[in-house]
Amino acid sequence: MPKSTPWLFFFQNIGMALGTSVPMYYLMYFLTDFAGITPAIAGAILLISRVADFLFALVAGPIVQKSNMKWGRYRSWLLISVVLVQIGIFMMFINPDIPLGAKAIIVCIGYILQNAPMNSLITAQYGLMANITGASTESRMAISAKVLQGINLATIIVSAVTLPFINYILARGGNGFLVVSMIYGAAMLISTLVMFVKTKKFDTYEQSLKNVMSVGVGQMYGQTLRNFQLWVVLIAHSLSMTAILSVAAVGLYYFQYSVGNVNMQPVSTTILAIVACVASFIMAPAARKIGKRNSAIASALFGVVCMTLIGLFAHQNVWFYIVTSAVLGFGAALVGTVGVNLFLDAAEYQLYKTGKDSRAFVMSLYNLPMKIGLAVSSLIAAFMLDNSGYTQKIVDGSLVTSMSDPQRFVWWFGMILAAIYLVGMLMYIFLYKITDAKAAEYVAENQKRLA
């Protein structure tokens, strides 16, 4: 692998994180306050679109796995997917002067176009990574570290620049959401195109490829359902994503009711984004040294300890919360560095055991923990609020909210997420059996078969 290859993934993931940031953070706000779509309809759009996105996540792997196009199995999907994603984002933010029902339909189609192809895009990205690295698990770790670093750097840019940039254009009469999303989208298109060009020799068209270790779609699903090691990784990673997304879901309530100063939220977010970026560079060598399984265990242990401390001591103590969350960020960098490799090891294990190549399908399941986390974190947030005396009242025609027991809220916040991290840690300790040595053995044998 050329030494420049991990940097291709670094810049491509900066572009990808930028290119999808405006709909991720500001779509709901845009729909209600600028497009004039009611919250109920906006919520329905997101619900319908997320169901469609989840269903496509289950079929993206077989589609990529069974394809064999002229630009290569994975590079072709890189190019197709990134174009569809940007068309979808354009449709979401174009805001034409038409009836609200028609506008809602355009937004719904755009949301599906933006999110569904992301499944094939990410599957293609990591399938290409497997092609490039061959039997070298060290090279895979080097690439996944750069992926995490690129995403974290982009998060800092998004936190610091995006909303001021949008407001600057809005103040001058332009559609700031559309303009900024198109500028960021250009970065996504260019970085993906560079990767497409620079990786040509690793993913060339082979007419006979469709017959190599071929597997039917039904067989693909059946073998994957019987891959117990994959299920361990999938569930444990879903628990980790649920904890991370729960922090995002309820964090604003912490600053509003426990701290009493909602303006500390963007301060905290920016600090933690910077820390996460630094941690992704510092912890990558540590993750390579202790191995993938131990990195996942250590990362979950950070979560157990830090969230317990937050639950016990963070009420009305915002700097304790920020410092403890920063420490948690260093632990998250460990599993962030190795995360995709845990799925890839499970995919190599399945090929080793069955002799049938379903790796692209297995890798496509890496998209599911985020979607599961989004759904479960919403339920956790509702439970925390319901059990902390959160109320809504109409006073003089205005909505007034309050929380009678913010200390109890913080306690639930810390203890529930600590328990989630603990379950994930125990799964890796007692159920996950693929060591780095075994993974290297599977990869080497699979490469011989492919050759």
Protein backbone atom coordinates (compact mmCIF):
# COMPACT_ATOMS: atom_id res chain seq x y z
CA MET A 1 0.00 0.00 0.00
CA PRO A 2 1.42 3.43 -0.92
CA LYS A 3 2.05 5.61 2.14
CA SER A 4 -0.26 8.28 0.70
CA THR A 5 -3.28 5.94 0.59
CA PRO A 6 -4.47 6.48 4.21
CA TRP A 7 -4.46 10.22 3.49
CA LEU A 8 -6.86 9.62 0.59
CA PHE A 9 -9.30 8.21 3.15
CA PHE A 10 -8.52 11.09 5.53
CA PHE A 11 -9.48 13.78 3.02
CA GLN A 12 -12.38 11.78 1.59
CA ASN A 13 -13.91 11.50 5.06
CA ILE A 14 -13.40 15.21 5.72
CA GLY A 15 -15.32 15.84 2.50
CA MET A 16 -18.00 13.27 3.37
CA ALA A 17 -18.54 14.69 6.88
CA LEU A 18 -18.73 18.24 5.51
CA GLY A 19 -20.99 17.24 2.63
CA THR A 20 -23.62 15.70 4.90
CA SER A 21 -23.35 18.11 7.86
CA VAL A 22 -26.01 20.70 6.90
CA PRO A 23 -28.89 18.17 6.63
CA MET A 24 -27.62 16.32 9.69
CA TYR A 25 -27.63 19.34 12.00
CA TYR A 26 -30.01 21.88 10.48
CA LEU A 27 -32.67 20.12 8.37
CA MET A 28 -35.44 20.18 11.00
CA TYR A 29 -34.77 23.85 11.77
CA PHE A 30 -34.81 24.69 8.05
CA LEU A 31 -38.06 22.81 7.40
CA THR A 32 -40.00 24.47 10.22
CA ASP A 33 -38.56 28.00 10.29
CA PHE A 34 -37.71 28.62 6.64
CA ALA A 35 -39.64 26.18 4.45
CA GLY A 36 -42.86 26.68 6.45
CA ILE A 37 -43.49 22.95 6.95
CA THR A 38 -45.24 22.14 10.25
CA PRO A 39 -43.33 20.14 12.90
CA ALA A 40 -45.80 17.24 12.55
CA ILE A 41 -45.24 16.97 8.79
CA ALA A 42 -41.48 17.45 9.21
CA GLY A 43 -41.45 14.62 11.77
CA ALA A 44 -43.45 12.41 9.40
CA ILE A 45 -40.98 13.12 6.59
CA LEU A 46 -38.06 12.10 8.78
CA LEU A 47 -39.85 8.97 10.01
CA ILE A 48 -40.77 7.76 6.50
CA SER A 49 -37.30 8.55 5.21
CA ARG A 50 -35.52 6.79 8.08
CA VAL A 51 -37.60 3.64 7.58
CA ALA A 52 -36.67 3.65 3.88
CA ASP A 53 -33.02 4.30 4.80
CA PHE A 54 -33.00 1.35 7.24
CA LEU A 55 -34.51 -0.98 4.66
CA PHE A 56 -31.95 0.06 2.05
CA ALA A 57 -29.17 -0.56 4.57
CA LEU A 58 -30.21 -4.22 4.60
CA VAL A 59 -29.96 -4.58 0.80
CA ALA A 60 -27.02 -2.28 0.01
CA GLY A 61 -24.49 -5.00 0.83
CA PRO A 62 -25.88 -7.64 -1.56
CA ILE A 63 -26.25 -5.01 -4.31
CA VAL A 64 -22.60 -3.98 -4.01
CA GLN A 65 -21.45 -7.57 -3.48
CA LYS A 66 -23.15 -8.87 -6.65
CA SER A 67 -22.20 -5.92 -8.87
CA ASN A 68 -19.31 -6.00 -11.31
CA MET A 69 -19.25 -2.73 -13.22
CA LYS A 70 -16.67 -1.32 -15.64
CA TRP A 71 -15.16 1.07 -13.08
CA GLY A 72 -14.64 -1.71 -10.53
CA ARG A 73 -16.96 -3.23 -7.96
CA TYR A 74 -16.35 -0.59 -5.29
CA ARG A 75 -15.08 2.47 -7.18
CA SER A 76 -18.22 2.48 -9.35
CA TRP A 77 -20.43 2.75 -6.26
CA LEU A 78 -18.26 5.51 -4.82
CA LEU A 79 -19.01 7.68 -7.83
CA ILE A 80 -22.68 6.75 -8.25
CA SER A 81 -23.48 7.17 -4.56
CA VAL A 82 -21.81 10.53 -4.02
CA VAL A 83 -23.69 12.05 -6.96
CA LEU A 84 -27.05 10.74 -5.68
CA VAL A 85 -26.31 12.05 -2.19
CA GLN A 86 -25.69 15.57 -3.47
CA ILE A 87 -28.82 15.52 -5.65
CA GLY A 88 -30.80 14.54 -2.55
CA ILE A 89 -29.33 17.38 -0.46
CA PHE A 90 -30.09 19.88 -3.22
CA MET A 91 -33.73 18.71 -3.28
CA MET A 92 -34.04 19.09 0.51
CA PHE A 93 -32.87 22.70 0.63
CA ILE A 94 -34.01 24.15 -2.73
CA ASN A 95 -37.28 25.41 -1.12
CA PRO A 96 -39.32 26.20 -4.29
CA ASP A 97 -42.37 28.48 -4.18
CA ILE A 98 -44.96 25.70 -4.47
CA PRO A 99 -47.74 24.29 -2.21
CA LEU A 100 -46.51 22.83 1.09
CA GLY A 101 -47.70 19.31 0.21
CA ALA A 102 -45.61 19.24 -2.98
CA LYS A 103 -42.68 20.78 -1.12
CA ALA A 104 -42.90 18.06 1.56
CA ILE A 105 -42.85 15.34 -1.11
CA ILE A 106 -39.71 16.86 -2.69
CA VAL A 107 -38.01 17.01 0.72
CA CYS A 108 -38.96 13.40 1.49
CA ILE A 109 -37.56 12.15 -1.84
CA GLY A 110 -34.45 14.24 -1.31
CA TYR A 111 -33.91 12.85 2.20
CA ILE A 112 -34.15 9.27 0.90
CA LEU A 113 -31.80 10.10 -1.99
CA GLN A 114 -29.30 11.58 0.45
CA ASN A 115 -29.37 8.82 3.05
CA ALA A 116 -30.00 5.57 1.16
CA PRO A 117 -26.92 5.88 -1.13
CA MET A 118 -24.76 6.59 1.94
CA ASN A 119 -25.12 2.89 2.75
CA SER A 120 -23.61 1.84 -0.59
CA LEU A 121 -21.03 4.65 -0.37
CA ILE A 122 -19.72 3.50 3.00
CA THR A 123 -19.87 -0.17 1.97
CA ALA A 124 -17.85 0.65 -1.16
CA GLN A 125 -15.35 2.70 0.84
CA TYR A 126 -14.52 -0.15 3.20
CA GLY A 127 -14.67 -2.80 0.48
CA LEU A 128 -12.07 -0.75 -1.36
CA MET A 129 -10.03 -0.59 1.84
CA ALA A 130 -9.98 -4.39 1.99
CA ASN A 131 -8.82 -4.55 -1.65
CA ILE A 132 -6.04 -2.04 -1.07
CA THR A 133 -4.67 -3.55 2.13
CA GLY A 134 -4.79 -7.20 1.07
CA ALA A 135 -3.57 -9.41 3.90
CA SER A 136 -2.09 -6.54 5.95
CA THR A 137 -4.22 -5.91 9.05
CA GLU A 138 -1.72 -3.18 10.04
CA SER A 139 -2.54 -1.27 6.86
CA ARG A 140 -6.25 -1.58 7.62
CA MET A 141 -5.66 -0.06 11.06
CA ALA A 142 -3.66 2.79 9.50
CA ILE A 143 -6.55 3.62 7.15
CA SER A 144 -9.27 3.39 9.81
CA ALA A 145 -7.27 5.73 12.05
CA LYS A 146 -7.16 8.31 9.26
CA VAL A 147 -10.92 7.88 8.70
CA LEU A 148 -11.61 8.79 12.35
CA GLN A 149 -9.16 11.70 12.27
CA GLY A 150 -10.76 13.12 9.13
CA ILE A 151 -14.26 12.92 10.60
CA ASN A 152 -13.17 14.58 13.85
CA LEU A 153 -11.37 17.40 12.04
CA ALA A 154 -14.45 18.02 9.93
CA THR A 155 -16.58 18.13 13.10
CA ILE A 156 -14.49 21.04 14.40
CA ILE A 157 -14.93 22.90 11.10
CA VAL A 158 -18.68 22.26 11.13
CA SER A 159 -19.04 23.38 14.76
CA ALA A 160 -17.08 26.58 14.29
CA VAL A 161 -18.03 27.75 10.79
CA THR A 162 -21.32 26.33 9.49
CA LEU A 163 -24.01 28.28 11.34
CA PRO A 164 -22.22 31.66 11.07
CA PHE A 165 -21.70 30.98 7.34
CA ILE A 166 -25.40 30.16 6.88
CA ASN A 167 -26.48 33.28 8.79
CA TYR A 168 -24.09 35.46 6.78
CA ILE A 169 -25.74 34.39 3.52
CA LEU A 170 -29.27 34.61 4.99
CA ALA A 171 -28.59 38.20 6.09
CA ARG A 172 -27.88 39.07 2.46
CA GLY A 173 -31.11 37.55 1.18
CA GLY A 174 -29.72 34.22 -0.01
CA ASN A 175 -30.66 30.65 0.87
CA GLY A 176 -27.79 30.05 3.27
CA PHE A 177 -28.69 26.40 3.87
CA LEU A 178 -28.61 25.58 0.15
CA VAL A 179 -25.46 27.59 -0.61
CA VAL A 180 -23.44 26.16 2.29
CA SER A 181 -24.61 22.60 1.58
CA MET A 182 -23.54 23.00 -2.07
CA ILE A 183 -20.10 24.35 -1.08
CA TYR A 184 -19.61 21.49 1.37
CA GLY A 185 -21.01 19.10 -1.24
CA ALA A 186 -18.33 20.22 -3.70
CA ALA A 187 -15.70 19.20 -1.12
CA MET A 188 -17.37 15.79 -0.85
CA LEU A 189 -17.52 15.33 -4.63
CA ILE A 190 -13.90 16.41 -5.20
CA SER A 191 -12.42 14.29 -2.39
CA THR A 192 -14.37 11.21 -3.55
CA LEU A 193 -13.36 11.79 -7.17
CA VAL A 194 -9.69 11.98 -6.13
CA MET A 195 -10.05 8.66 -4.32
CA PHE A 196 -11.82 7.19 -7.36
CA VAL A 197 -8.91 8.18 -9.64
CA LYS A 198 -6.05 7.33 -7.27
CA THR A 199 -7.29 3.82 -6.39
CA LYS A 200 -7.91 2.56 -9.93
CA LYS A 201 -5.25 -0.17 -9.81
CA PHE A 202 -6.81 -1.68 -6.66
CA ASP A 203 -10.30 -2.22 -8.09
CA THR A 204 -10.24 -2.99 -11.79
CA TYR A 205 -12.97 -4.64 -13.85
CA GLU A 206 -12.63 -8.41 -14.14
CA GLN A 207 -15.25 -10.26 -16.19
CA SER A 208 -14.64 -13.47 -14.25
CA LEU A 209 -14.95 -11.79 -10.84
CA LYS A 210 -18.65 -12.60 -10.51
CA ASN A 211 -17.80 -16.32 -10.51
CA VAL A 212 -15.10 -16.18 -7.82
CA MET A 213 -16.40 -17.67 -4.55
CA SER A 214 -19.87 -16.70 -5.76
CA VAL A 215 -22.72 -16.78 -3.26
CA GLY A 216 -26.45 -16.38 -3.78
CA VAL A 217 -28.36 -13.63 -2.01
CA GLY A 218 -30.30 -16.09 0.16
CA GLN A 219 -27.09 -17.89 1.03
CA MET A 220 -25.50 -14.53 1.85
CA TYR A 221 -28.18 -13.69 4.41
CA GLY A 222 -28.19 -17.21 5.83
CA GLN A 223 -24.42 -17.37 6.39
CA THR A 224 -24.41 -13.90 7.94
CA LEU A 225 -27.23 -14.76 10.35
CA ARG A 226 -25.13 -17.71 11.58
CA ASN A 227 -22.00 -15.57 12.10
CA PHE A 228 -22.10 -15.25 15.89
CA GLN A 229 -18.93 -13.13 16.07
CA LEU A 230 -20.54 -10.58 13.75
CA TRP A 231 -23.61 -10.42 15.99
CA VAL A 232 -21.41 -9.73 19.01
CA VAL A 233 -19.71 -6.84 17.21
CA LEU A 234 -22.98 -5.53 15.77
CA ILE A 235 -24.76 -5.46 19.14
CA ALA A 236 -21.78 -4.13 21.10
CA HIS A 237 -21.16 -1.37 18.54
CA SER A 238 -24.87 -0.51 18.55
CA LEU A 239 -24.68 -0.10 22.33
CA SER A 240 -21.70 2.22 21.96
CA MET A 241 -23.48 4.33 19.32
CA THR A 242 -26.63 4.44 21.48
CA ALA A 243 -24.62 5.88 24.37
CA ILE A 244 -22.90 8.46 22.17
CA LEU A 245 -26.13 9.57 20.49
CA SER A 246 -27.98 9.67 23.82
CA VAL A 247 -25.49 12.30 24.99
CA ALA A 248 -26.37 14.37 21.93
CA ALA A 249 -30.10 13.80 22.46
CA VAL A 250 -30.24 14.93 26.10
CA GLY A 251 -27.18 17.16 26.40
CA LEU A 252 -29.11 20.38 25.84
CA TYR A 253 -31.45 19.52 28.75
CA TYR A 254 -28.42 19.12 31.02
CA PHE A 255 -27.21 22.64 30.24
CA GLN A 256 -30.67 24.18 30.49
CA TYR A 257 -31.92 22.56 33.71
CA SER A 258 -28.92 21.23 35.65
CA VAL A 259 -26.43 23.99 34.77
CA GLY A 260 -28.98 26.72 34.18
CA ASN A 261 -27.02 28.20 31.30
CA VAL A 262 -27.90 26.87 27.85
CA ASN A 263 -25.19 29.08 26.29
CA MET A 264 -22.56 26.72 27.73
CA GLN A 265 -23.71 24.00 25.33
CA PRO A 266 -21.90 25.33 22.22
CA VAL A 267 -18.82 26.04 24.36
CA SER A 268 -18.82 22.45 25.57
CA THR A 269 -19.48 21.05 22.08
CA THR A 270 -16.58 22.98 20.54
CA ILE A 271 -14.14 22.01 23.31
CA LEU A 272 -15.10 18.34 23.07
CA ALA A 273 -14.84 18.37 19.26
CA ILE A 274 -11.27 19.69 19.52
CA VAL A 275 -10.40 17.13 22.19
CA ALA A 276 -11.87 14.30 20.08
CA CYS A 277 -9.74 15.37 17.11
CA VAL A 278 -6.56 15.48 19.20
CA ALA A 279 -7.45 12.15 20.80
CA SER A 280 -7.90 10.47 17.41
CA PHE A 281 -4.24 11.24 16.61
CA ILE A 282 -2.87 10.39 20.07
CA MET A 283 -4.81 7.17 20.66
CA ALA A 284 -4.32 5.62 17.20
CA PRO A 285 -0.83 4.24 18.05
CA ALA A 286 -2.17 2.94 21.38
CA ALA A 287 -5.02 1.14 19.60
CA ARG A 288 -2.56 -0.50 17.18
CA LYS A 289 -0.36 -1.57 20.11
CA ILE A 290 -3.02 -3.16 22.33
CA GLY A 291 -5.09 -4.64 19.50
CA LYS A 292 -8.65 -4.33 18.29
CA ARG A 293 -10.46 -6.42 20.91
CA ASN A 294 -8.60 -4.82 23.82
CA SER A 295 -9.22 -1.36 22.36
CA ALA A 296 -12.97 -2.04 22.32
CA ILE A 297 -12.85 -3.28 25.92
CA ALA A 298 -10.76 -0.31 27.12
CA SER A 299 -13.02 2.15 25.30
CA ALA A 300 -16.12 0.70 26.99
CA LEU A 301 -14.34 0.84 30.35
CA PHE A 302 -13.72 4.56 29.82
CA GLY A 303 -17.46 4.89 29.20
CA VAL A 304 -18.44 2.99 32.35
CA VAL A 305 -16.16 5.06 34.61
CA CYS A 306 -16.76 8.48 33.05
CA MET A 307 -20.54 8.19 32.80
CA THR A 308 -20.74 6.93 36.41
CA LEU A 309 -18.75 9.97 37.55
CA ILE A 310 -21.00 12.29 35.52
CA GLY A 311 -24.11 10.73 37.05
CA LEU A 312 -22.76 11.18 40.58
CA PHE A 313 -20.98 14.54 40.44
CA ALA A 314 -21.87 16.58 37.33
CA HIS A 315 -25.11 18.18 38.60
CA GLN A 316 -24.57 21.98 38.51
CA ASN A 317 -20.87 21.38 37.85
CA VAL A 318 -20.42 22.12 34.16
CA TRP A 319 -16.61 22.02 34.10
CA PHE A 320 -16.57 18.63 35.79
CA TYR A 321 -18.93 17.48 33.04
CA ILE A 322 -16.73 18.93 30.28
CA VAL A 323 -13.47 17.52 31.69
CA THR A 324 -14.96 14.07 32.29
CA SER A 325 -16.52 14.06 28.82
CA ALA A 326 -13.11 15.01 27.38
CA VAL A 327 -11.55 11.98 29.09
CA LEU A 328 -14.36 9.87 27.66
CA GLY A 329 -13.41 11.26 24.23
CA PHE A 330 -9.96 9.71 24.54
CA GLY A 331 -11.56 6.34 25.25
CA ALA A 332 -13.95 6.73 22.32
CA ALA A 333 -10.95 7.33 20.04
CA LEU A 334 -9.75 3.79 20.76
CA VAL A 335 -12.86 2.06 19.45
CA GLY A 336 -13.22 4.71 16.74
CA THR A 337 -9.79 3.74 15.41
CA VAL A 338 -10.55 0.02 15.30
CA GLY A 339 -14.35 -0.02 14.86
CA VAL A 340 -14.62 -0.76 11.16
CA ASN A 341 -11.86 -3.36 11.46
CA LEU A 342 -13.92 -5.35 13.94
CA PHE A 343 -16.60 -5.72 11.26
CA LEU A 344 -14.00 -6.48 8.60
CA ASP A 345 -12.46 -9.18 10.82
CA ALA A 346 -15.93 -10.71 11.24
CA ALA A 347 -16.33 -10.61 7.44
CA GLU A 348 -12.97 -12.34 6.92
CA TYR A 349 -13.94 -14.92 9.55
CA GLN A 350 -17.14 -15.68 7.61
CA LEU A 351 -15.23 -16.11 4.34
CA TYR A 352 -12.68 -18.32 6.11
CA LYS A 353 -15.39 -20.57 7.55
CA THR A 354 -17.69 -20.79 4.52
CA GLY A 355 -15.41 -20.32 1.51
CA LYS A 356 -18.03 -17.87 0.12
CA ASP A 357 -17.24 -14.19 -0.25
CA SER A 358 -19.96 -12.10 1.46
CA ARG A 359 -17.56 -9.49 2.82
CA ALA A 360 -19.22 -6.50 1.17
CA PHE A 361 -22.56 -7.51 2.66
CA VAL A 362 -21.08 -7.99 6.13
CA MET A 363 -19.32 -4.62 5.87
CA SER A 364 -22.60 -2.93 4.92
CA LEU A 365 -23.92 -3.81 8.38
CA TYR A 366 -21.42 -1.32 9.80
CA ASN A 367 -24.06 1.30 8.93
CA LEU A 368 -26.73 -0.24 11.19
CA PRO A 369 -25.41 0.74 14.68
CA MET A 370 -25.83 4.44 13.88
CA LYS A 371 -29.44 3.88 12.79
CA ILE A 372 -30.20 1.68 15.81
CA GLY A 373 -28.56 4.24 18.10
CA LEU A 374 -30.71 7.06 16.70
CA ALA A 375 -33.90 5.13 17.42
CA VAL A 376 -32.98 3.83 20.89
CA SER A 377 -31.43 7.12 22.09
CA SER A 378 -34.77 8.86 21.50
CA LEU A 379 -36.49 6.33 23.78
CA ILE A 380 -33.80 6.76 26.43
CA ALA A 381 -34.16 10.55 26.29
CA ALA A 382 -37.94 10.26 26.75
CA PHE A 383 -37.47 7.92 29.74
CA MET A 384 -35.00 10.30 31.42
CA LEU A 385 -37.33 13.28 30.99
CA ASP A 386 -40.41 11.38 32.19
CA ASN A 387 -38.59 10.29 35.34
CA SER A 388 -37.13 13.70 36.21
CA GLY A 389 -40.28 15.78 36.52
CA TYR A 390 -40.10 17.38 33.09
CA THR A 391 -43.33 19.27 32.27
CA GLN A 392 -44.74 21.47 29.51
CA LYS A 393 -47.39 24.13 30.14
CA ILE A 394 -49.05 26.88 28.13
CA VAL A 395 -48.79 30.18 30.01
CA ASP A 396 -50.29 33.30 28.42
CA GLY A 397 -50.23 31.60 25.05
CA SER A 398 -46.55 30.57 25.30
CA LEU A 399 -44.99 27.18 25.92
CA VAL A 400 -43.17 27.00 29.28
CA THR A 401 -41.07 23.98 30.22
CA SER A 402 -39.57 22.99 33.57
CA MET A 403 -37.85 20.11 35.35
CA SER A 404 -38.57 19.52 39.03
CA ASP A 405 -35.62 17.21 39.74
CA PRO A 406 -32.61 17.98 37.48
CA GLN A 407 -30.28 16.12 39.87
CA ARG A 408 -32.26 12.94 39.30
CA PHE A 409 -32.07 13.61 35.57
CA VAL A 410 -28.26 13.78 35.70
CA TRP A 411 -28.17 10.60 37.80
CA TRP A 412 -30.28 8.71 35.25
CA PHE A 413 -28.17 10.24 32.47
CA GLY A 414 -24.94 8.86 33.90
CA MET A 415 -26.13 5.51 35.21
CA ILE A 416 -28.13 4.40 32.15
CA LEU A 417 -25.27 5.17 29.78
CA ALA A 418 -22.71 3.58 32.14
CA ALA A 419 -24.84 0.42 32.14
CA ILE A 420 -24.99 0.44 28.33
CA TYR A 421 -21.19 0.72 28.10
CA LEU A 422 -20.84 -2.07 30.70
CA VAL A 423 -22.96 -4.53 28.69
CA GLY A 424 -20.88 -3.80 25.57
CA MET A 425 -17.63 -4.32 27.50
CA LEU A 426 -18.80 -7.67 28.91
CA MET A 427 -19.80 -8.84 25.43
CA TYR A 428 -16.29 -8.18 24.11
CA ILE A 429 -14.68 -9.84 27.15
CA PHE A 430 -16.73 -13.04 27.22
CA LEU A 431 -18.22 -13.50 23.73
CA TYR A 432 -15.84 -12.01 21.17
CA LYS A 433 -13.15 -14.54 20.22
CA ILE A 434 -11.38 -13.04 17.17
CA THR A 435 -7.94 -11.96 18.36
CA ASP A 436 -5.56 -9.99 16.15
CA ALA A 437 -3.53 -13.16 15.55
CA LYS A 438 -6.60 -15.10 14.43
CA ALA A 439 -7.74 -12.22 12.22
CA ALA A 440 -4.34 -12.18 10.50
CA GLU A 441 -4.63 -15.94 9.96
CA TYR A 442 -8.09 -15.60 8.39
CA VAL A 443 -6.98 -12.76 6.11
CA ALA A 444 -3.86 -14.59 4.92
CA GLU A 445 -5.79 -17.76 4.11
CA ASN A 446 -8.54 -15.81 2.34
CA GLN A 447 -6.00 -13.99 0.19
CA LYS A 448 -4.54 -17.34 -0.89
CA ARG A 449 -7.99 -18.57 -1.90
CA LEU A 450 -8.72 -15.39 -3.83
CA ALA A 451 -5.40 -15.65 -5.63
